[in-house]
Amino acid sequence: MTADAPTAESASARFERWVLPEVEVLLRVARSMTRNSHDAEDLVQDTMLRAYRSIDRFDGRYPRAWLMTIMRNAEINRHRRQRPSLLTAAQQRLPDPEADGGATAETAVINLTFDAAVEDAFERLSPDAREVIELVDIGGLTYAEAAGVAGIPEGTVMSRLHRARRRVRTTLEEQGYAAGRSR
């Protein structure tokens, strides 16, 4: 073995340094992408496995952007393989009773209604606009990192993000939601 050849231990150490700190961000973005907590966990697990397998080829720069690219590609592959779902979209959006920490029925309905409104506003966006919101607002990437993941100029990320946020805000206002107040 040469001095340049990475060892299993060094791969594990690099994985711990670059991948593990990003798990929560990956999970937030995956939830946004999949709209389902179980699918999100599967997607993050697949992303981490792919990252571990390719950690020796990663140069250590911009780990979050690298992981988001892996996750984006894994999600595309998942959609290619996925069979039609037997559940309707409404059934898939049912709240997870354990996720709310015991909220009252009224609070759960209000939250579900607002979540549905946000999801509707998000779904009305173009795929390009959704992507930059997922990368920057949900994933926490910088504009430069998001540009690298999406393969577009940084200025395009900023303009898409501005228009997407404005569109979501407008859609929510049209549905009776305003900053700081509920419907």
C-alpha atoms as a PDB file:
ATOM      1  CA  MET A   1       0.000   0.000   0.000  1.00  0.00           C
ATOM      2  CA  THR A   2       1.386   3.418  -0.903  1.00  0.00           C
ATOM      3  CA  ALA A   3       1.291   6.491   1.275  1.00  0.00           C
ATOM      4  CA  ASP A   4      -1.328   8.005  -1.054  1.00  0.00           C
ATOM      5  CA  ALA A   5      -3.739   5.066  -0.753  1.00  0.00           C
ATOM      6  CA  PRO A   6      -6.492   5.819   1.754  1.00  0.00           C
ATOM      7  CA  THR A   7      -7.064   3.324   4.535  1.00  0.00           C
ATOM      8  CA  ALA A   8     -10.436   2.150   5.801  1.00  0.00           C
ATOM      9  CA  GLU A   9      -9.748   4.071   8.997  1.00  0.00           C
ATOM     10  CA  SER A  10      -9.038   7.320   7.179  1.00  0.00           C
ATOM     11  CA  ALA A  11     -12.213   6.857   5.117  1.00  0.00           C
ATOM     12  CA  SER A  12     -14.196   6.413   8.330  1.00  0.00           C
ATOM     13  CA  ALA A  13     -12.592   9.476   9.857  1.00  0.00           C
ATOM     14  CA  ARG A  14     -13.364  11.562   6.786  1.00  0.00           C
ATOM     15  CA  PHE A  15     -16.933  10.265   6.765  1.00  0.00           C
ATOM     16  CA  GLU A  16     -17.307  11.299  10.416  1.00  0.00           C
ATOM     17  CA  ARG A  17     -15.812  14.737   9.737  1.00  0.00           C
ATOM     18  CA  TRP A  18     -17.674  15.601   6.526  1.00  0.00           C
ATOM     19  CA  VAL A  19     -20.874  13.554   6.406  1.00  0.00           C
ATOM     20  CA  LEU A  20     -22.163  13.009   9.921  1.00  0.00           C
ATOM     21  CA  PRO A  21     -22.429  16.728  10.803  1.00  0.00           C
ATOM     22  CA  GLU A  22     -24.749  17.187   7.801  1.00  0.00           C
ATOM     23  CA  VAL A  23     -27.287  14.471   8.671  1.00  0.00           C
ATOM     24  CA  GLU A  24     -29.902  16.860  10.111  1.00  0.00           C
ATOM     25  CA  VAL A  25     -29.694  19.119   7.059  1.00  0.00           C
ATOM     26  CA  LEU A  26     -29.951  16.114   4.753  1.00  0.00           C
ATOM     27  CA  LEU A  27     -33.025  14.940   6.616  1.00  0.00           C
ATOM     28  CA  ARG A  28     -34.726  18.352   6.361  1.00  0.00           C
ATOM     29  CA  VAL A  29     -34.106  18.530   2.620  1.00  0.00           C
ATOM     30  CA  ALA A  30     -35.114  14.896   2.120  1.00  0.00           C
ATOM     31  CA  ARG A  31     -38.419  15.522   3.928  1.00  0.00           C
ATOM     32  CA  SER A  32     -39.040  18.407   1.594  1.00  0.00           C
ATOM     33  CA  MET A  33     -38.179  16.340  -1.450  1.00  0.00           C
ATOM     34  CA  THR A  34     -40.159  13.224  -0.517  1.00  0.00           C
ATOM     35  CA  ARG A  35     -43.020  14.723   1.522  1.00  0.00           C
ATOM     36  CA  ASN A  36     -42.874  11.584   3.683  1.00  0.00           C
ATOM     37  CA  SER A  37     -40.731  11.004   6.762  1.00  0.00           C
ATOM     38  CA  HIS A  38     -40.132   7.316   6.066  1.00  0.00           C
ATOM     39  CA  ASP A  39     -39.052   7.961   2.463  1.00  0.00           C
ATOM     40  CA  ALA A  40     -36.894  10.833   3.695  1.00  0.00           C
ATOM     41  CA  GLU A  41     -35.074   8.553   6.120  1.00  0.00           C
ATOM     42  CA  ASP A  42     -34.543   5.991   3.355  1.00  0.00           C
ATOM     43  CA  LEU A  43     -33.216   8.699   1.044  1.00  0.00           C
ATOM     44  CA  VAL A  44     -30.777   9.990   3.684  1.00  0.00           C
ATOM     45  CA  GLN A  45     -29.608   6.459   4.394  1.00  0.00           C
ATOM     46  CA  ASP A  46     -29.053   5.844   0.672  1.00  0.00           C
ATOM     47  CA  THR A  47     -27.217   9.180   0.412  1.00  0.00           C
ATOM     48  CA  MET A  48     -24.955   8.342   3.333  1.00  0.00           C
ATOM     49  CA  LEU A  49     -24.179   4.909   1.913  1.00  0.00           C
ATOM     50  CA  ARG A  50     -23.286   6.412  -1.455  1.00  0.00           C
ATOM     51  CA  ALA A  51     -21.188   9.076   0.267  1.00  0.00           C
ATOM     52  CA  TYR A  52     -19.313   6.463   2.270  1.00  0.00           C
ATOM     53  CA  ARG A  53     -18.602   4.435  -0.851  1.00  0.00           C
ATOM     54  CA  SER A  54     -17.226   7.465  -2.664  1.00  0.00           C
ATOM     55  CA  ILE A  55     -15.547   9.298   0.236  1.00  0.00           C
ATOM     56  CA  ASP A  56     -12.105   8.468  -1.199  1.00  0.00           C
ATOM     57  CA  ARG A  57     -12.914  10.474  -4.327  1.00  0.00           C
ATOM     58  CA  PHE A  58     -14.153  13.535  -2.383  1.00  0.00           C
ATOM     59  CA  ASP A  59     -11.659  16.384  -2.082  1.00  0.00           C
ATOM     60  CA  GLY A  60     -13.040  17.759   1.193  1.00  0.00           C
ATOM     61  CA  ARG A  61     -14.336  21.031  -0.244  1.00  0.00           C
ATOM     62  CA  TYR A  62     -18.016  21.910   0.189  1.00  0.00           C
ATOM     63  CA  PRO A  63     -19.233  18.685   1.827  1.00  0.00           C
ATOM     64  CA  ARG A  64     -22.835  19.897   2.058  1.00  0.00           C
ATOM     65  CA  ALA A  65     -23.017  20.652  -1.655  1.00  0.00           C
ATOM     66  CA  TRP A  66     -21.404  17.293  -2.432  1.00  0.00           C
ATOM     67  CA  LEU A  67     -23.939  15.476  -0.250  1.00  0.00           C
ATOM     68  CA  MET A  68     -26.870  17.396  -1.735  1.00  0.00           C
ATOM     69  CA  THR A  69     -25.733  16.376  -5.210  1.00  0.00           C
ATOM     70  CA  ILE A  70     -25.572  12.752  -4.129  1.00  0.00           C
ATOM     71  CA  MET A  71     -29.013  13.015  -2.540  1.00  0.00           C
ATOM     72  CA  ARG A  72     -30.520  14.714  -5.567  1.00  0.00           C
ATOM     73  CA  ASN A  73     -29.210  11.945  -7.838  1.00  0.00           C
ATOM     74  CA  ALA A  74     -30.425   9.260  -5.418  1.00  0.00           C
ATOM     75  CA  GLU A  75     -33.903  10.815  -5.423  1.00  0.00           C
ATOM     76  CA  ILE A  76     -33.961  10.898  -9.229  1.00  0.00           C
ATOM     77  CA  ASN A  77     -32.988   7.220  -9.296  1.00  0.00           C
ATOM     78  CA  ARG A  78     -35.641   6.426  -6.692  1.00  0.00           C
ATOM     79  CA  HIS A  79     -38.328   7.968  -8.878  1.00  0.00           C
ATOM     80  CA  ARG A  80     -37.141   5.970 -11.854  1.00  0.00           C
ATOM     81  CA  ARG A  81     -37.483   2.704  -9.921  1.00  0.00           C
ATOM     82  CA  GLN A  82     -40.609   3.563  -7.991  1.00  0.00           C
ATOM     83  CA  ARG A  83     -43.798   1.710  -8.748  1.00  0.00           C
ATOM     84  CA  PRO A  84     -47.101   3.556  -8.687  1.00  0.00           C
ATOM     85  CA  SER A  85     -48.199   4.073  -5.116  1.00  0.00           C
ATOM     86  CA  LEU A  86     -51.325   2.381  -3.816  1.00  0.00           C
ATOM     87  CA  LEU A  87     -52.043   5.293  -1.487  1.00  0.00           C
ATOM     88  CA  THR A  88     -53.654   8.482  -2.670  1.00  0.00           C
ATOM     89  CA  ALA A  89     -51.847  11.773  -2.206  1.00  0.00           C
ATOM     90  CA  ALA A  90     -54.242  12.689   0.616  1.00  0.00           C
ATOM     91  CA  GLN A  91     -53.502   9.447   2.471  1.00  0.00           C
ATOM     92  CA  GLN A  92     -49.765  10.037   2.150  1.00  0.00           C
ATOM     93  CA  ARG A  93     -50.107  13.477   3.772  1.00  0.00           C
ATOM     94  CA  LEU A  94     -51.777  12.196   6.948  1.00  0.00           C
ATOM     95  CA  PRO A  95     -49.919  13.492   9.988  1.00  0.00           C
ATOM     96  CA  ASP A  96     -47.666  11.211  11.947  1.00  0.00           C
ATOM     97  CA  PRO A  97     -49.392  10.989  15.370  1.00  0.00           C
ATOM     98  CA  GLU A  98     -46.063  10.573  17.152  1.00  0.00           C
ATOM     99  CA  ALA A  99     -44.438  13.571  15.437  1.00  0.00           C
ATOM    100  CA  ASP A 100     -46.521  16.306  17.080  1.00  0.00           C
ATOM    101  CA  GLY A 101     -45.544  15.543  20.672  1.00  0.00           C
ATOM    102  CA  GLY A 102     -49.162  15.211  21.830  1.00  0.00           C
ATOM    103  CA  ALA A 103     -50.685  18.357  20.317  1.00  0.00           C
ATOM    104  CA  THR A 104     -54.398  18.916  20.721  1.00  0.00           C
ATOM    105  CA  ALA A 105     -56.744  17.919  17.933  1.00  0.00           C
ATOM    106  CA  GLU A 106     -57.460  21.590  17.180  1.00  0.00           C
ATOM    107  CA  THR A 107     -53.769  22.444  16.936  1.00  0.00           C
ATOM    108  CA  ALA A 108     -53.165  19.398  14.758  1.00  0.00           C
ATOM    109  CA  VAL A 109     -55.944  20.451  12.354  1.00  0.00           C
ATOM    110  CA  ILE A 110     -54.682  24.047  12.194  1.00  0.00           C
ATOM    111  CA  ASN A 111     -51.124  22.854  11.572  1.00  0.00           C
ATOM    112  CA  LEU A 112     -52.272  20.349   8.966  1.00  0.00           C
ATOM    113  CA  THR A 113     -54.290  23.056   7.192  1.00  0.00           C
ATOM    114  CA  PHE A 114     -51.361  25.484   7.145  1.00  0.00           C
ATOM    115  CA  ASP A 115     -48.935  22.730   6.125  1.00  0.00           C
ATOM    116  CA  ALA A 116     -51.263  21.809   3.266  1.00  0.00           C
ATOM    117  CA  ALA A 117     -51.376  25.474   2.187  1.00  0.00           C
ATOM    118  CA  VAL A 118     -47.571  25.729   2.241  1.00  0.00           C
ATOM    119  CA  GLU A 119     -47.274  22.438   0.367  1.00  0.00           C
ATOM    120  CA  ASP A 120     -49.786  23.691  -2.214  1.00  0.00           C
ATOM    121  CA  ALA A 121     -47.832  26.931  -2.653  1.00  0.00           C
ATOM    122  CA  PHE A 122     -44.614  24.953  -2.956  1.00  0.00           C
ATOM    123  CA  GLU A 123     -46.123  22.567  -5.518  1.00  0.00           C
ATOM    124  CA  ARG A 124     -47.231  25.500  -7.672  1.00  0.00           C
ATOM    125  CA  LEU A 125     -43.604  26.502  -8.143  1.00  0.00           C
ATOM    126  CA  SER A 126     -41.637  25.379 -11.148  1.00  0.00           C
ATOM    127  CA  PRO A 127     -39.233  22.474 -10.531  1.00  0.00           C
ATOM    128  CA  ASP A 128     -36.296  24.891 -10.838  1.00  0.00           C
ATOM    129  CA  ALA A 129     -37.764  27.208  -8.202  1.00  0.00           C
ATOM    130  CA  ARG A 130     -38.533  24.298  -5.862  1.00  0.00           C
ATOM    131  CA  GLU A 131     -34.977  23.062  -6.232  1.00  0.00           C
ATOM    132  CA  VAL A 132     -33.370  26.337  -5.106  1.00  0.00           C
ATOM    133  CA  ILE A 133     -35.733  26.607  -2.126  1.00  0.00           C
ATOM    134  CA  GLU A 134     -34.886  23.033  -1.133  1.00  0.00           C
ATOM    135  CA  LEU A 135     -31.169  23.688  -1.431  1.00  0.00           C
ATOM    136  CA  VAL A 136     -30.948  27.147   0.171  1.00  0.00           C
ATOM    137  CA  ASP A 137     -33.904  27.570   2.538  1.00  0.00           C
ATOM    138  CA  ILE A 138     -34.336  23.973   3.636  1.00  0.00           C
ATOM    139  CA  GLY A 139     -30.846  22.592   3.067  1.00  0.00           C
ATOM    140  CA  GLY A 140     -28.988  25.635   4.305  1.00  0.00           C
ATOM    141  CA  LEU A 141     -26.584  25.776   1.382  1.00  0.00           C
ATOM    142  CA  THR A 142     -24.931  29.035   0.435  1.00  0.00           C
ATOM    143  CA  TYR A 143     -25.801  30.514  -2.945  1.00  0.00           C
ATOM    144  CA  ALA A 144     -22.451  29.313  -4.300  1.00  0.00           C
ATOM    145  CA  GLU A 145     -22.988  25.765  -3.008  1.00  0.00           C
ATOM    146  CA  ALA A 146     -26.537  25.650  -4.391  1.00  0.00           C
ATOM    147  CA  ALA A 147     -25.253  26.898  -7.739  1.00  0.00           C
ATOM    148  CA  GLY A 148     -22.707  24.081  -7.791  1.00  0.00           C
ATOM    149  CA  VAL A 149     -25.310  21.439  -6.962  1.00  0.00           C
ATOM    150  CA  ALA A 150     -27.865  22.740  -9.476  1.00  0.00           C
ATOM    151  CA  GLY A 151     -25.254  23.468 -12.154  1.00  0.00           C
ATOM    152  CA  ILE A 152     -26.364  27.079 -12.637  1.00  0.00           C
ATOM    153  CA  PRO A 153     -24.730  30.473 -12.011  1.00  0.00           C
ATOM    154  CA  GLU A 154     -24.918  31.932  -8.512  1.00  0.00           C
ATOM    155  CA  GLY A 155     -26.908  34.928  -9.772  1.00  0.00           C
ATOM    156  CA  THR A 156     -29.512  32.567 -11.210  1.00  0.00           C
ATOM    157  CA  VAL A 157     -29.858  30.897  -7.801  1.00  0.00           C
ATOM    158  CA  MET A 158     -30.456  34.288  -6.182  1.00  0.00           C
ATOM    159  CA  SER A 159     -33.022  35.437  -8.730  1.00  0.00           C
ATOM    160  CA  ARG A 160     -34.905  32.107  -8.714  1.00  0.00           C
ATOM    161  CA  LEU A 161     -34.920  32.093  -4.935  1.00  0.00           C
ATOM    162  CA  HIS A 162     -36.257  35.658  -4.755  1.00  0.00           C
ATOM    163  CA  ARG A 163     -39.040  34.917  -7.238  1.00  0.00           C
ATOM    164  CA  ALA A 164     -39.893  31.589  -5.587  1.00  0.00           C
ATOM    165  CA  ARG A 165     -40.158  33.122  -2.105  1.00  0.00           C
ATOM    166  CA  ARG A 166     -42.308  35.934  -3.451  1.00  0.00           C
ATOM    167  CA  ARG A 167     -44.587  33.430  -5.225  1.00  0.00           C
ATOM    168  CA  VAL A 168     -45.012  31.304  -2.086  1.00  0.00           C
ATOM    169  CA  ARG A 169     -45.772  34.415  -0.021  1.00  0.00           C
ATOM    170  CA  THR A 170     -48.322  35.630  -2.582  1.00  0.00           C
ATOM    171  CA  THR A 171     -50.003  32.224  -2.789  1.00  0.00           C
ATOM    172  CA  LEU A 172     -50.288  32.020   1.006  1.00  0.00           C
ATOM    173  CA  GLU A 173     -51.687  35.548   1.187  1.00  0.00           C
ATOM    174  CA  GLU A 174     -54.274  34.638  -1.470  1.00  0.00           C
ATOM    175  CA  GLN A 175     -55.333  31.734   0.763  1.00  0.00           C
ATOM    176  CA  GLY A 176     -55.807  34.057   3.737  1.00  0.00           C
ATOM    177  CA  TYR A 177     -52.478  33.605   5.481  1.00  0.00           C
ATOM    178  CA  ALA A 178     -50.320  36.561   6.397  1.00  0.00           C
ATOM    179  CA  ALA A 179     -47.108  36.850   8.353  1.00  0.00           C
ATOM    180  CA  GLY A 180     -47.796  36.335  12.032  1.00  0.00           C
ATOM    181  CA  ARG A 181     -51.437  35.316  11.763  1.00  0.00           C
ATOM    182  CA  SER A 182     -53.320  32.168  10.967  1.00  0.00           C
ATOM    183  CA  ARG A 183     -56.378  31.722   8.854  1.00  0.00           C
END
